[in-house]
Amino acid sequence: MALYEHVFLARQDLAQAQVDALAETATKIVQDMNGKVVKTETWGLRSLAYRIAKNRKAHYVMLEIDAPGDVVAELERQTQINEDVIRFMTVKVDAHEEGPTVMMRKSERSERGDRRGGRDRDDRGPRREREPSAEVEA
């Protein structure tokens, strides 16, 4: 069977429970057709680069799927019908990522307060003195 990553964006006005229900529905579609959902990640409510159907934000959910192509076609068909999903994309991959994806690692890093390469406010360095400006006599 082939490996896929399926990401969908749900409307911003949905509750987290409703988003989880959408992920469960997608999982059920895959499992009913003899596929397997390896991992489900909810990336949370994130800002969009541009407005989509009057939404400025969306709930992001990613499913790692191990299933034949016809299962993915059915999943995409069902996702396209759902009014709560504003965008989706399925990509065929060679191998699933071990551990959390980049999106999850990014949120963990921001929660811990890591600032790689960034300077603290108190670490501004020495203050430069301004050079006196030449006054123009009128």
N, C-alpha and C. Protein backbone atom coordinates (compact mmCIF):
# COMPACT_ATOMS: atom_id res chain seq x y z
N MET A 1 0.84 -1.19 0.00
CA MET A 1 0.00 0.00 0.00
C MET A 1 0.88 1.25 0.00
N ALA A 2 0.32 2.33 -0.51
CA ALA A 2 1.06 3.58 -0.63
C ALA A 2 0.90 4.43 0.63
N LEU A 3 1.84 5.33 0.84
CA LEU A 3 1.82 6.22 2.00
C LEU A 3 1.43 7.63 1.55
N TYR A 4 0.54 8.25 2.31
CA TYR A 4 0.05 9.58 1.98
C TYR A 4 0.01 10.46 3.23
N GLU A 5 0.09 11.78 2.99
CA GLU A 5 -0.19 12.77 4.03
C GLU A 5 -1.38 13.58 3.54
N HIS A 6 -2.41 13.64 4.36
CA HIS A 6 -3.64 14.36 4.01
C HIS A 6 -3.81 15.49 5.02
N VAL A 7 -3.78 16.74 4.56
CA VAL A 7 -3.95 17.90 5.42
C VAL A 7 -5.23 18.60 5.01
N PHE A 8 -6.06 18.93 6.01
CA PHE A 8 -7.25 19.72 5.69
C PHE A 8 -7.37 20.90 6.65
N LEU A 9 -8.02 21.95 6.15
CA LEU A 9 -8.25 23.17 6.92
C LEU A 9 -9.74 23.28 7.18
N ALA A 10 -10.10 23.37 8.45
CA ALA A 10 -11.50 23.49 8.84
C ALA A 10 -11.81 24.95 9.19
N ARG A 11 -13.05 25.32 9.06
CA ARG A 11 -13.47 26.71 9.32
C ARG A 11 -13.06 27.16 10.72
N GLN A 12 -12.83 28.46 10.85
CA GLN A 12 -12.35 29.02 12.12
C GLN A 12 -13.41 29.05 13.21
N ASP A 13 -14.69 29.04 12.85
CA ASP A 13 -15.73 29.15 13.86
C ASP A 13 -16.13 27.79 14.46
N LEU A 14 -15.46 26.71 14.07
CA LEU A 14 -15.74 25.40 14.65
C LEU A 14 -15.06 25.26 16.00
N ALA A 15 -15.68 24.51 16.89
CA ALA A 15 -15.06 24.20 18.18
C ALA A 15 -14.05 23.07 17.96
N GLN A 16 -13.12 22.94 18.90
CA GLN A 16 -12.09 21.91 18.77
C GLN A 16 -12.71 20.51 18.73
N ALA A 17 -13.81 20.30 19.44
CA ALA A 17 -14.50 19.00 19.42
C ALA A 17 -15.03 18.69 18.02
N GLN A 18 -15.52 19.71 17.32
CA GLN A 18 -16.02 19.50 15.97
C GLN A 18 -14.88 19.18 15.00
N VAL A 19 -13.74 19.82 15.21
CA VAL A 19 -12.57 19.54 14.38
C VAL A 19 -12.10 18.10 14.61
N ASP A 20 -12.08 17.69 15.87
CA ASP A 20 -11.71 16.31 16.19
C ASP A 20 -12.70 15.32 15.56
N ALA A 21 -13.97 15.69 15.51
CA ALA A 21 -14.98 14.83 14.88
C ALA A 21 -14.73 14.71 13.38
N LEU A 22 -14.28 15.80 12.74
CA LEU A 22 -13.93 15.74 11.32
C LEU A 22 -12.76 14.79 11.09
N ALA A 23 -11.77 14.83 11.97
CA ALA A 23 -10.62 13.93 11.86
C ALA A 23 -11.05 12.49 12.06
N GLU A 24 -11.95 12.26 13.00
CA GLU A 24 -12.46 10.90 13.23
C GLU A 24 -13.26 10.39 12.03
N THR A 25 -14.02 11.28 11.40
CA THR A 25 -14.78 10.90 10.20
C THR A 25 -13.83 10.48 9.08
N ALA A 26 -12.77 11.26 8.90
CA ALA A 26 -11.78 10.92 7.86
C ALA A 26 -11.11 9.59 8.18
N THR A 27 -10.79 9.38 9.45
CA THR A 27 -10.17 8.12 9.87
C THR A 27 -11.10 6.95 9.60
N LYS A 28 -12.38 7.14 9.89
CA LYS A 28 -13.37 6.07 9.68
C LYS A 28 -13.49 5.73 8.19
N ILE A 29 -13.46 6.74 7.33
CA ILE A 29 -13.54 6.50 5.88
C ILE A 29 -12.37 5.63 5.43
N VAL A 30 -11.18 5.96 5.90
CA VAL A 30 -9.98 5.20 5.52
C VAL A 30 -10.06 3.78 6.05
N GLN A 31 -10.45 3.61 7.31
CA GLN A 31 -10.49 2.28 7.92
C GLN A 31 -11.58 1.40 7.33
N ASP A 32 -12.70 2.00 6.93
CA ASP A 32 -13.79 1.23 6.33
C ASP A 32 -13.40 0.64 4.97
N MET A 33 -12.41 1.27 4.33
CA MET A 33 -11.98 0.80 3.01
C MET A 33 -10.64 0.06 3.10
N ASN A 34 -10.36 -0.52 4.28
CA ASN A 34 -9.16 -1.33 4.52
C ASN A 34 -7.85 -0.56 4.44
N GLY A 35 -7.89 0.70 4.79
CA GLY A 35 -6.68 1.50 4.90
C GLY A 35 -6.33 1.68 6.36
N LYS A 36 -5.25 2.38 6.62
CA LYS A 36 -4.84 2.57 8.00
C LYS A 36 -4.34 4.00 8.18
N VAL A 37 -4.83 4.68 9.22
CA VAL A 37 -4.33 6.00 9.58
C VAL A 37 -3.23 5.79 10.60
N VAL A 38 -2.01 6.10 10.22
CA VAL A 38 -0.86 5.85 11.07
C VAL A 38 -0.78 6.87 12.20
N LYS A 39 -1.04 8.15 11.87
CA LYS A 39 -0.92 9.20 12.87
C LYS A 39 -1.85 10.36 12.51
N THR A 40 -2.41 10.99 13.53
CA THR A 40 -3.23 12.19 13.35
C THR A 40 -2.64 13.31 14.20
N GLU A 41 -2.42 14.47 13.58
CA GLU A 41 -1.91 15.63 14.31
C GLU A 41 -2.83 16.81 14.09
N THR A 42 -3.18 17.46 15.17
CA THR A 42 -3.95 18.70 15.09
C THR A 42 -2.98 19.84 15.33
N TRP A 43 -2.81 20.69 14.32
CA TRP A 43 -1.85 21.79 14.42
C TRP A 43 -2.46 23.03 15.03
N GLY A 44 -3.75 23.02 15.25
CA GLY A 44 -4.41 24.13 15.93
C GLY A 44 -4.96 25.18 14.99
N LEU A 45 -5.44 26.25 15.60
CA LEU A 45 -6.01 27.38 14.86
C LEU A 45 -4.88 28.30 14.45
N ARG A 46 -4.68 28.46 13.15
CA ARG A 46 -3.56 29.24 12.63
C ARG A 46 -4.07 30.26 11.63
N SER A 47 -3.34 31.34 11.49
CA SER A 47 -3.70 32.38 10.53
C SER A 47 -3.41 31.91 9.11
N LEU A 48 -4.28 32.31 8.19
CA LEU A 48 -4.10 32.00 6.78
C LEU A 48 -3.32 33.12 6.10
N ALA A 49 -2.65 32.80 5.02
CA ALA A 49 -1.90 33.80 4.27
C ALA A 49 -2.85 34.79 3.58
N TYR A 50 -4.03 34.31 3.22
CA TYR A 50 -5.04 35.16 2.59
C TYR A 50 -6.41 34.62 2.97
N ARG A 51 -7.43 35.44 2.83
CA ARG A 51 -8.78 35.01 3.22
C ARG A 51 -9.29 33.94 2.27
N ILE A 52 -9.91 32.92 2.86
CA ILE A 52 -10.54 31.86 2.09
C ILE A 52 -11.98 31.75 2.58
N ALA A 53 -12.92 32.03 1.71
CA ALA A 53 -14.35 31.95 2.04
C ALA A 53 -14.65 32.73 3.32
N LYS A 54 -14.15 33.95 3.39
CA LYS A 54 -14.35 34.88 4.51
C LYS A 54 -13.70 34.42 5.82
N ASN A 55 -12.78 33.48 5.75
CA ASN A 55 -12.06 33.02 6.93
C ASN A 55 -10.64 33.57 6.91
N ARG A 56 -10.22 34.14 8.03
CA ARG A 56 -8.84 34.63 8.17
C ARG A 56 -7.97 33.63 8.90
N LYS A 57 -8.61 32.67 9.58
CA LYS A 57 -7.91 31.62 10.30
C LYS A 57 -8.56 30.29 9.97
N ALA A 58 -7.85 29.20 10.30
CA ALA A 58 -8.41 27.87 10.07
C ALA A 58 -7.77 26.88 11.03
N HIS A 59 -8.50 25.82 11.32
CA HIS A 59 -7.97 24.71 12.12
C HIS A 59 -7.25 23.77 11.15
N TYR A 60 -5.98 23.47 11.42
CA TYR A 60 -5.19 22.59 10.57
C TYR A 60 -5.13 21.20 11.19
N VAL A 61 -5.35 20.17 10.37
CA VAL A 61 -5.28 18.78 10.81
C VAL A 61 -4.53 17.98 9.74
N MET A 62 -3.61 17.12 10.18
CA MET A 62 -2.84 16.29 9.26
C MET A 62 -3.01 14.82 9.62
N LEU A 63 -3.27 14.00 8.60
CA LEU A 63 -3.40 12.55 8.77
C LEU A 63 -2.31 11.87 7.95
N GLU A 64 -1.59 10.95 8.56
CA GLU A 64 -0.65 10.11 7.82
C GLU A 64 -1.38 8.80 7.53
N ILE A 65 -1.48 8.46 6.24
CA ILE A 65 -2.32 7.36 5.79
C ILE A 65 -1.48 6.31 5.07
N ASP A 66 -1.80 5.04 5.32
CA ASP A 66 -1.21 3.91 4.61
C ASP A 66 -2.38 3.18 3.95
N ALA A 67 -2.60 3.45 2.67
CA ALA A 67 -3.78 2.90 1.99
C ALA A 67 -3.58 2.94 0.47
N PRO A 68 -4.38 2.16 -0.26
CA PRO A 68 -4.33 2.23 -1.73
C PRO A 68 -4.93 3.55 -2.24
N GLY A 69 -4.68 3.81 -3.51
CA GLY A 69 -5.12 5.07 -4.12
C GLY A 69 -6.61 5.29 -4.13
N ASP A 70 -7.41 4.23 -4.28
CA ASP A 70 -8.86 4.40 -4.34
C ASP A 70 -9.42 4.86 -2.99
N VAL A 71 -8.75 4.50 -1.90
CA VAL A 71 -9.17 4.96 -0.58
C VAL A 71 -8.97 6.47 -0.47
N VAL A 72 -7.84 6.93 -0.97
CA VAL A 72 -7.54 8.36 -0.94
C VAL A 72 -8.51 9.13 -1.83
N ALA A 73 -8.86 8.57 -2.96
CA ALA A 73 -9.83 9.22 -3.85
C ALA A 73 -11.18 9.38 -3.15
N GLU A 74 -11.61 8.35 -2.43
CA GLU A 74 -12.88 8.43 -1.70
C GLU A 74 -12.78 9.43 -0.56
N LEU A 75 -11.66 9.45 0.15
CA LEU A 75 -11.46 10.42 1.23
C LEU A 75 -11.52 11.85 0.69
N GLU A 76 -10.87 12.10 -0.43
CA GLU A 76 -10.91 13.43 -1.02
C GLU A 76 -12.32 13.80 -1.48
N ARG A 77 -13.04 12.83 -2.02
CA ARG A 77 -14.43 13.10 -2.46
C ARG A 77 -15.30 13.49 -1.28
N GLN A 78 -15.18 12.73 -0.16
CA GLN A 78 -15.98 13.04 1.03
C GLN A 78 -15.56 14.38 1.64
N THR A 79 -14.28 14.67 1.62
CA THR A 79 -13.77 15.93 2.18
C THR A 79 -14.27 17.12 1.37
N GLN A 80 -14.31 16.95 0.05
CA GLN A 80 -14.77 18.02 -0.83
C GLN A 80 -16.24 18.35 -0.60
N ILE A 81 -17.04 17.36 -0.24
CA ILE A 81 -18.47 17.57 0.01
C ILE A 81 -18.70 18.32 1.32
N ASN A 82 -17.85 18.10 2.30
CA ASN A 82 -18.04 18.66 3.63
C ASN A 82 -17.91 20.19 3.61
N GLU A 83 -18.92 20.89 4.12
CA GLU A 83 -18.92 22.36 4.11
C GLU A 83 -18.00 22.96 5.17
N ASP A 84 -17.62 22.18 6.18
CA ASP A 84 -16.75 22.69 7.23
C ASP A 84 -15.29 22.70 6.83
N VAL A 85 -14.93 21.99 5.77
CA VAL A 85 -13.55 21.96 5.28
C VAL A 85 -13.41 22.99 4.16
N ILE A 86 -12.47 23.94 4.35
CA ILE A 86 -12.32 24.99 3.34
C ILE A 86 -11.21 24.68 2.33
N ARG A 87 -10.21 23.88 2.72
CA ARG A 87 -9.15 23.45 1.82
C ARG A 87 -8.62 22.10 2.28
N PHE A 88 -8.09 21.33 1.34
CA PHE A 88 -7.43 20.08 1.68
C PHE A 88 -6.38 19.78 0.63
N MET A 89 -5.40 18.97 1.01
CA MET A 89 -4.37 18.54 0.07
C MET A 89 -3.85 17.18 0.51
N THR A 90 -3.71 16.28 -0.44
CA THR A 90 -3.16 14.96 -0.16
C THR A 90 -1.90 14.80 -0.99
N VAL A 91 -0.83 14.36 -0.34
CA VAL A 91 0.46 14.20 -0.99
C VAL A 91 0.95 12.78 -0.77
N LYS A 92 1.44 12.15 -1.83
CA LYS A 92 2.03 10.82 -1.70
C LYS A 92 3.48 10.99 -1.24
N VAL A 93 3.87 10.24 -0.22
CA VAL A 93 5.22 10.35 0.33
C VAL A 93 5.93 9.00 0.26
N ASP A 94 7.25 9.03 0.30
CA ASP A 94 8.04 7.80 0.30
C ASP A 94 8.04 7.13 1.66
N ALA A 95 8.08 7.95 2.72
CA ALA A 95 8.08 7.42 4.09
C ALA A 95 7.47 8.45 5.02
N HIS A 96 6.82 7.98 6.07
CA HIS A 96 6.26 8.89 7.06
C HIS A 96 7.37 9.37 7.98
N GLU A 97 7.22 10.59 8.47
CA GLU A 97 8.19 11.17 9.38
C GLU A 97 8.08 10.50 10.74
N GLU A 98 9.22 10.18 11.33
CA GLU A 98 9.23 9.61 12.67
C GLU A 98 9.08 10.72 13.69
N GLY A 99 8.29 10.48 14.71
CA GLY A 99 8.09 11.49 15.75
C GLY A 99 7.19 12.60 15.27
N PRO A 100 7.20 13.73 15.99
CA PRO A 100 6.32 14.84 15.60
C PRO A 100 6.81 15.52 14.32
N THR A 101 5.87 16.06 13.56
CA THR A 101 6.22 16.76 12.33
C THR A 101 6.84 18.11 12.65
N VAL A 102 7.30 18.78 11.63
CA VAL A 102 7.95 20.08 11.79
C VAL A 102 6.98 21.09 12.42
N MET A 103 5.73 21.03 12.05
CA MET A 103 4.74 21.97 12.59
C MET A 103 4.58 21.79 14.10
N MET A 104 4.62 20.56 14.57
CA MET A 104 4.49 20.30 16.01
C MET A 104 5.76 20.70 16.75
N ARG A 105 6.91 20.45 16.17
CA ARG A 105 8.17 20.85 16.81
C ARG A 105 8.26 22.36 16.91
N LYS A 106 7.76 23.06 15.93
CA LYS A 106 7.78 24.53 15.93
C LYS A 106 6.93 25.06 17.08
N SER A 107 5.75 24.48 17.30
CA SER A 107 4.89 24.95 18.38
C SER A 107 5.48 24.60 19.74
N GLU A 108 6.13 23.45 19.87
CA GLU A 108 6.77 23.08 21.13
C GLU A 108 7.89 24.06 21.46
N ARG A 109 8.65 24.44 20.45
CA ARG A 109 9.77 25.36 20.65
C ARG A 109 9.27 26.73 21.11
N SER A 110 8.17 27.19 20.51
CA SER A 110 7.64 28.50 20.89
C SER A 110 7.03 28.47 22.29
N GLU A 111 6.47 27.31 22.69
CA GLU A 111 5.92 27.18 24.04
C GLU A 111 7.01 27.21 25.09
N ARG A 112 8.16 26.60 24.78
CA ARG A 112 9.26 26.57 25.73
C ARG A 112 9.96 27.92 25.83
N GLY A 113 9.80 28.75 24.82
CA GLY A 113 10.42 30.07 24.84
C GLY A 113 11.82 30.07 24.26
N ASP A 114 12.18 29.05 23.50
CA ASP A 114 13.50 29.03 22.86
C ASP A 114 13.58 30.14 21.84
N ARG A 115 14.73 30.82 21.85
CA ARG A 115 14.95 31.86 20.85
C ARG A 115 16.34 31.62 20.26
N ARG A 116 16.39 30.87 19.22
CA ARG A 116 17.67 30.58 18.60
C ARG A 116 18.14 31.80 17.81
N GLY A 117 19.33 32.23 18.11
CA GLY A 117 19.91 33.33 17.35
C GLY A 117 19.33 34.68 17.70
N GLY A 118 18.26 34.71 18.48
CA GLY A 118 17.67 35.99 18.84
C GLY A 118 18.32 36.55 20.08
N ARG A 119 18.25 37.87 20.22
CA ARG A 119 18.84 38.49 21.39
C ARG A 119 17.74 38.95 22.32
N ASP A 120 18.03 38.94 23.62
CA ASP A 120 17.09 39.44 24.60
C ASP A 120 17.03 40.96 24.51
N ARG A 121 16.00 41.53 25.07
CA ARG A 121 15.88 42.99 25.08
C ARG A 121 17.03 43.65 25.82
N ASP A 122 17.50 43.01 26.87
CA ASP A 122 18.58 43.61 27.67
C ASP A 122 19.93 43.46 26.99
N ASP A 123 20.04 42.67 25.96
CA ASP A 123 21.31 42.41 25.31
C ASP A 123 21.38 43.20 24.00
N ARG A 124 21.29 44.49 24.11
CA ARG A 124 21.29 45.33 22.91
C ARG A 124 22.68 45.77 22.50
N GLY A 125 23.63 45.60 23.38
CA GLY A 125 24.99 46.02 23.06
C GLY A 125 25.21 47.47 23.47
N PRO A 126 26.42 47.96 23.27
CA PRO A 126 26.71 49.34 23.70
C PRO A 126 25.95 50.35 22.86
N ARG A 127 25.60 51.43 23.50
CA ARG A 127 24.87 52.49 22.81
C ARG A 127 25.85 53.40 22.09
N ARG A 128 25.56 53.69 20.85
CA ARG A 128 26.43 54.56 20.07
C ARG A 128 26.09 56.01 20.36
N GLU A 129 27.10 56.82 20.42
CA GLU A 129 26.90 58.26 20.58
C GLU A 129 26.66 58.86 19.21
N ARG A 130 25.74 59.78 19.17
CA ARG A 130 25.48 60.48 17.90
C ARG A 130 26.58 61.48 17.63
N GLU A 131 26.92 61.58 16.37
CA GLU A 131 27.89 62.60 16.00
C GLU A 131 27.16 63.92 15.89
N PRO A 132 27.82 64.97 16.36
CA PRO A 132 27.13 66.28 16.28
C PRO A 132 26.89 66.64 14.81
N SER A 133 25.68 67.08 14.56
CA SER A 133 25.37 67.45 13.16
C SER A 133 25.88 68.85 12.89
N ALA A 134 26.31 69.05 11.69
CA ALA A 134 26.82 70.37 11.30
C ALA A 134 25.66 71.31 11.15
N GLU A 135 25.68 72.39 11.90
CA GLU A 135 24.58 73.35 11.82
C GLU A 135 24.81 74.28 10.65
N VAL A 136 23.81 74.53 9.93
CA VAL A 136 23.89 75.41 8.78
C VAL A 136 23.48 76.79 9.23
N GLU A 137 24.37 77.75 9.03
CA GLU A 137 24.04 79.15 9.41
C GLU A 137 23.26 79.78 8.30
N ALA A 138 22.24 80.50 8.67
CA ALA A 138 21.39 81.14 7.69
C ALA A 138 21.79 82.56 7.44
